[in-house]
C-alpha atoms as a PDB file:
ATOM      1  CA  MET A   1      16.910  -5.471   4.286  1.00  0.00           C
ATOM      2  CA  THR A   2      13.463  -4.174   3.372  1.00  0.00           C
ATOM      3  CA  GLU A   3      13.173  -2.601  -0.067  1.00  0.00           C
ATOM      4  CA  VAL A   4      11.385   0.774   0.117  1.00  0.00           C
ATOM      5  CA  ALA A   5       9.794   2.454  -2.905  1.00  0.00           C
ATOM      6  CA  PHE A   6       7.908   5.737  -3.155  1.00  0.00           C
ATOM      7  CA  HIS A   7       5.383   6.190  -5.964  1.00  0.00           C
ATOM      8  CA  PHE A   8       4.931   9.968  -6.291  1.00  0.00           C
ATOM      9  CA  ASN A   9       2.327  12.127  -8.047  1.00  0.00           C
ATOM     10  CA  ALA A  10      -0.609   9.731  -7.983  1.00  0.00           C
ATOM     11  CA  PRO A  11      -3.561  11.840  -9.151  1.00  0.00           C
ATOM     12  CA  ASP A  12      -5.892   9.572  -7.160  1.00  0.00           C
ATOM     13  CA  ARG A  13      -4.119   7.491  -4.504  1.00  0.00           C
ATOM     14  CA  VAL A  14      -6.971   5.000  -4.089  1.00  0.00           C
ATOM     15  CA  ALA A  15      -7.383   4.415  -7.844  1.00  0.00           C
ATOM     16  CA  TYR A  16      -3.617   4.011  -8.208  1.00  0.00           C
ATOM     17  CA  ALA A  17      -3.576   1.548  -5.293  1.00  0.00           C
ATOM     18  CA  CYS A  18      -6.285  -0.504  -7.056  1.00  0.00           C
ATOM     19  CA  ARG A  19      -4.204  -0.783 -10.218  1.00  0.00           C
ATOM     20  CA  LEU A  20      -1.042  -1.541  -8.245  1.00  0.00           C
ATOM     21  CA  LEU A  21      -2.803  -4.257  -6.250  1.00  0.00           C
ATOM     22  CA  ARG A  22      -4.296  -5.811  -9.398  1.00  0.00           C
ATOM     23  CA  LYS A  23      -0.822  -6.038 -10.946  1.00  0.00           C
ATOM     24  CA  ALA A  24       0.824  -7.374  -7.778  1.00  0.00           C
ATOM     25  CA  VAL A  25      -1.839 -10.029  -7.222  1.00  0.00           C
ATOM     26  CA  SER A  26      -1.617 -11.138 -10.861  1.00  0.00           C
ATOM     27  CA  ASN A  27       2.106 -11.674 -10.227  1.00  0.00           C
ATOM     28  CA  GLY A  28       1.360 -13.832  -7.175  1.00  0.00           C
ATOM     29  CA  ALA A  29       2.205 -11.313  -4.458  1.00  0.00           C
ATOM     30  CA  LYS A  30       0.594 -11.194  -1.037  1.00  0.00           C
ATOM     31  CA  ILE A  31       0.026  -7.628   0.102  1.00  0.00           C
ATOM     32  CA  VAL A  32      -0.942  -5.935   3.327  1.00  0.00           C
ATOM     33  CA  VAL A  33      -2.414  -2.457   2.844  1.00  0.00           C
ATOM     34  CA  THR A  34      -2.282  -0.055   5.750  1.00  0.00           C
ATOM     35  CA  GLY A  35      -3.531   3.458   6.255  1.00  0.00           C
ATOM     36  CA  HIS A  36      -6.239   5.484   7.959  1.00  0.00           C
ATOM     37  CA  ALA A  37      -9.547   3.629   8.402  1.00  0.00           C
ATOM     38  CA  ASP A  38     -11.401   6.043   6.077  1.00  0.00           C
ATOM     39  CA  THR A  39      -8.854   5.519   3.308  1.00  0.00           C
ATOM     40  CA  LEU A  40      -8.975   1.737   3.742  1.00  0.00           C
ATOM     41  CA  GLN A  41     -12.766   1.866   3.525  1.00  0.00           C
ATOM     42  CA  ALA A  42     -12.547   3.906   0.301  1.00  0.00           C
ATOM     43  CA  LEU A  43     -10.058   1.366  -1.080  1.00  0.00           C
ATOM     44  CA  ASP A  44     -12.312  -1.535  -0.090  1.00  0.00           C
ATOM     45  CA  SER A  45     -15.204   0.036  -2.021  1.00  0.00           C
ATOM     46  CA  ALA A  46     -13.005   0.902  -4.999  1.00  0.00           C
ATOM     47  CA  LEU A  47     -11.624  -2.639  -5.257  1.00  0.00           C
ATOM     48  CA  TRP A  48     -15.186  -3.851  -5.851  1.00  0.00           C
ATOM     49  CA  THR A  49     -15.924  -1.319  -8.589  1.00  0.00           C
ATOM     50  CA  PHE A  50     -12.740  -0.032 -10.262  1.00  0.00           C
ATOM     51  CA  SER A  51     -12.847  -2.519 -13.146  1.00  0.00           C
ATOM     52  CA  PRO A  52     -15.838  -4.301 -14.678  1.00  0.00           C
ATOM     53  CA  VAL A  53     -13.697  -7.310 -15.677  1.00  0.00           C
ATOM     54  CA  ASP A  54     -11.196  -7.609 -12.812  1.00  0.00           C
ATOM     55  CA  PHE A  55     -11.668  -8.470  -9.181  1.00  0.00           C
ATOM     56  CA  VAL A  56      -8.910  -8.204  -6.598  1.00  0.00           C
ATOM     57  CA  ALA A  57      -9.677 -10.574  -3.740  1.00  0.00           C
ATOM     58  CA  HIS A  58      -9.257  -8.738  -0.461  1.00  0.00           C
ATOM     59  CA  CYS A  59     -10.506  -8.569   3.107  1.00  0.00           C
ATOM     60  CA  TYR A  60      -9.974  -6.762   6.368  1.00  0.00           C
ATOM     61  CA  LEU A  61      -7.596  -8.276   8.904  1.00  0.00           C
ATOM     62  CA  GLU A  62     -10.549  -8.586  11.306  1.00  0.00           C
ATOM     63  CA  SER A  63     -12.376 -10.952   8.900  1.00  0.00           C
ATOM     64  CA  ASP A  64     -12.801 -14.656   9.641  1.00  0.00           C
ATOM     65  CA  ALA A  65      -9.456 -16.485   9.783  1.00  0.00           C
ATOM     66  CA  TRP A  66     -10.255 -18.633   6.726  1.00  0.00           C
ATOM     67  CA  VAL A  67     -11.040 -15.504   4.674  1.00  0.00           C
ATOM     68  CA  VAL A  68      -7.799 -13.825   5.746  1.00  0.00           C
ATOM     69  CA  ALA A  69      -5.827 -16.979   4.897  1.00  0.00           C
ATOM     70  CA  ALA A  70      -7.352 -17.105   1.398  1.00  0.00           C
ATOM     71  CA  SER A  71      -7.010 -13.393   0.565  1.00  0.00           C
ATOM     72  CA  PRO A  72      -3.956 -12.090  -1.289  1.00  0.00           C
ATOM     73  CA  VAL A  73      -4.756  -8.531  -0.131  1.00  0.00           C
ATOM     74  CA  ILE A  74      -5.368  -7.716   3.513  1.00  0.00           C
ATOM     75  CA  LEU A  75      -6.553  -4.274   4.628  1.00  0.00           C
ATOM     76  CA  ALA A  76      -5.146  -3.553   8.084  1.00  0.00           C
ATOM     77  CA  PRO A  77      -5.073  -0.280  10.042  1.00  0.00           C
ATOM     78  CA  SER A  78      -2.313  -1.865  12.156  1.00  0.00           C
ATOM     79  CA  ILE A  79       0.210  -4.421  10.908  1.00  0.00           C
ATOM     80  CA  GLU A  80       1.141  -5.970  14.248  1.00  0.00           C
ATOM     81  CA  SER A  81      -0.479  -9.362  13.661  1.00  0.00           C
ATOM     82  CA  VAL A  82      -0.721  -9.778   9.892  1.00  0.00           C
ATOM     83  CA  PRO A  83      -0.289 -13.330   8.539  1.00  0.00           C
ATOM     84  CA  HIS A  84       2.390 -12.568   5.955  1.00  0.00           C
ATOM     85  CA  GLN A  85       5.155 -10.035   5.408  1.00  0.00           C
ATOM     86  CA  GLN A  86       5.810 -10.018   1.680  1.00  0.00           C
ATOM     87  CA  VAL A  87       4.631  -6.567   0.502  1.00  0.00           C
ATOM     88  CA  LEU A  88       3.333  -3.658   2.566  1.00  0.00           C
ATOM     89  CA  LEU A  89       1.442  -0.937   0.707  1.00  0.00           C
ATOM     90  CA  ASN A  90       1.162   2.215   2.798  1.00  0.00           C
ATOM     91  CA  ILE A  91      -1.574   4.639   1.812  1.00  0.00           C
ATOM     92  CA  GLY A  92      -1.443   6.379   5.180  1.00  0.00           C
ATOM     93  CA  HIS A  93       0.442   9.415   6.418  1.00  0.00           C
ATOM     94  CA  LEU A  94       2.620   7.698   9.047  1.00  0.00           C
ATOM     95  CA  VAL A  95       5.486   5.219   8.856  1.00  0.00           C
ATOM     96  CA  PRO A  96       3.883   1.887   9.799  1.00  0.00           C
ATOM     97  CA  SER A  97       5.312   0.465  13.011  1.00  0.00           C
ATOM     98  CA  GLY A  98       6.994  -2.851  12.188  1.00  0.00           C
ATOM     99  CA  PHE A  99       7.426  -2.135   8.451  1.00  0.00           C
ATOM    100  CA  GLU A 100      10.954  -3.602   8.559  1.00  0.00           C
ATOM    101  CA  ARG A 101       9.496  -7.129   8.849  1.00  0.00           C
ATOM    102  CA  PHE A 102       8.304  -6.886   5.228  1.00  0.00           C
ATOM    103  CA  GLU A 103      10.345  -7.731   2.139  1.00  0.00           C
ATOM    104  CA  ARG A 104       9.029  -4.618   0.365  1.00  0.00           C
ATOM    105  CA  VAL A 105       7.298  -1.401   1.364  1.00  0.00           C
ATOM    106  CA  ILE A 106       5.515   0.722  -1.216  1.00  0.00           C
ATOM    107  CA  GLU A 107       4.501   4.262  -0.310  1.00  0.00           C
ATOM    108  CA  VAL A 108       1.848   5.921  -2.492  1.00  0.00           C
ATOM    109  CA  VAL A 109       1.983   9.715  -2.531  1.00  0.00           C
ATOM    110  CA  GLY A 110      -0.687  11.936  -4.056  1.00  0.00           C
ATOM    111  CA  MET A 111      -0.333  15.396  -5.510  1.00  0.00           C
ATOM    112  CA  GLU A 112      -1.775  17.346  -2.562  1.00  0.00           C
ATOM    113  CA  ASP A 113       0.622  19.488  -0.523  1.00  0.00           C
ATOM    114  CA  ASP A 114      -0.418  17.835   2.749  1.00  0.00           C
ATOM    115  CA  ASP A 115       0.256  14.369   1.355  1.00  0.00           C
ATOM    116  CA  ARG A 116       3.645  15.450   0.003  1.00  0.00           C
ATOM    117  CA  GLN A 117       4.632  16.922   3.372  1.00  0.00           C
ATOM    118  CA  HIS A 118       3.795  13.672   5.168  1.00  0.00           C
ATOM    119  CA  ALA A 119       5.736  11.754   2.493  1.00  0.00           C
ATOM    120  CA  ARG A 120       8.807  13.906   3.116  1.00  0.00           C
ATOM    121  CA  SER A 121       8.666  12.954   6.809  1.00  0.00           C
ATOM    122  CA  ARG A 122       8.374   9.260   5.956  1.00  0.00           C
ATOM    123  CA  TRP A 123      11.224   9.524   3.427  1.00  0.00           C
ATOM    124  CA  LYS A 124      13.405  11.168   6.073  1.00  0.00           C
ATOM    125  CA  HIS A 125      12.556   8.436   8.587  1.00  0.00           C
ATOM    126  CA  TYR A 126      13.480   5.644   6.169  1.00  0.00           C
ATOM    127  CA  THR A 127      16.776   7.276   5.134  1.00  0.00           C
ATOM    128  CA  GLU A 128      17.732   7.987   8.755  1.00  0.00           C
ATOM    129  CA  GLN A 129      17.206   4.267   9.434  1.00  0.00           C
ATOM    130  CA  GLY A 130      19.610   3.408   6.592  1.00  0.00           C
ATOM    131  CA  PHE A 131      17.105   2.258   3.978  1.00  0.00           C
ATOM    132  CA  THR A 132      17.769   2.972   0.310  1.00  0.00           C
ATOM    133  CA  ILE A 133      14.675   4.319  -1.410  1.00  0.00           C
ATOM    134  CA  LYS A 134      13.565   3.733  -4.978  1.00  0.00           C
ATOM    135  CA  ARG A 135      11.689   6.658  -6.469  1.00  0.00           C
ATOM    136  CA  HIS A 136       8.925   6.271  -9.064  1.00  0.00           C
ATOM    137  CA  ASP A 137       7.552   9.562 -10.376  1.00  0.00           C
ATOM    138  CA  LEU A 138       4.163   8.763 -11.885  1.00  0.00           C
ATOM    139  CA  ALA A 139       4.015  12.173 -13.594  1.00  0.00           C
ATOM    140  CA  LEU A 140       6.925  11.045 -15.796  1.00  0.00           C
ATOM    141  CA  LYS A 141       5.311   7.776 -16.879  1.00  0.00           C
ATOM    142  CA  PRO A 142       3.590   7.703 -20.264  1.00  0.00           C
ATOM    143  CA  SER A 143      -0.202   7.366 -20.104  1.00  0.00           C
END
C-alpha cells in the first residue's frame, strides 16, 4: 500500500520542495512532482537557483523522451503517463488522480490558511481510502 506523508508548516513550499528533492535525489530516489502549472514553473526556476553548489536534475514530462528517461525529477501537472512510480511529491491543492500507483506520496503544506484547508481535504480523502498518514510538523524541527 502507498505510504502517505504530510509535511506541515513549510514557510515556503517551493524552497522546502527544493531541499526535499535534493535530499531524495542524493539518496537515489526518482520523484514525480505534481501541482498547479504556476507552482511547477516556480519550482523549475527555483531548482536552478536555490543553491550555488547543488543542482537537482529535473525536467517537465513533456520534454524529449531521452531527457525524461535521464531525469530523477519529473515535473508533471498530470501523473497519468509518468515513467516511474517511486515517489510522488504533491505541491498542489488536489489529491492527484492515480496517486495509489506510487510507493510513496509526500504532501507539502504551507502555513497559509487556504493551503491548510486544502490539506485537510486531502488528508480526509486519504484516510477515507484507508491510508495511514505520517505527519511531519516542520515547525517542530530544529533549524
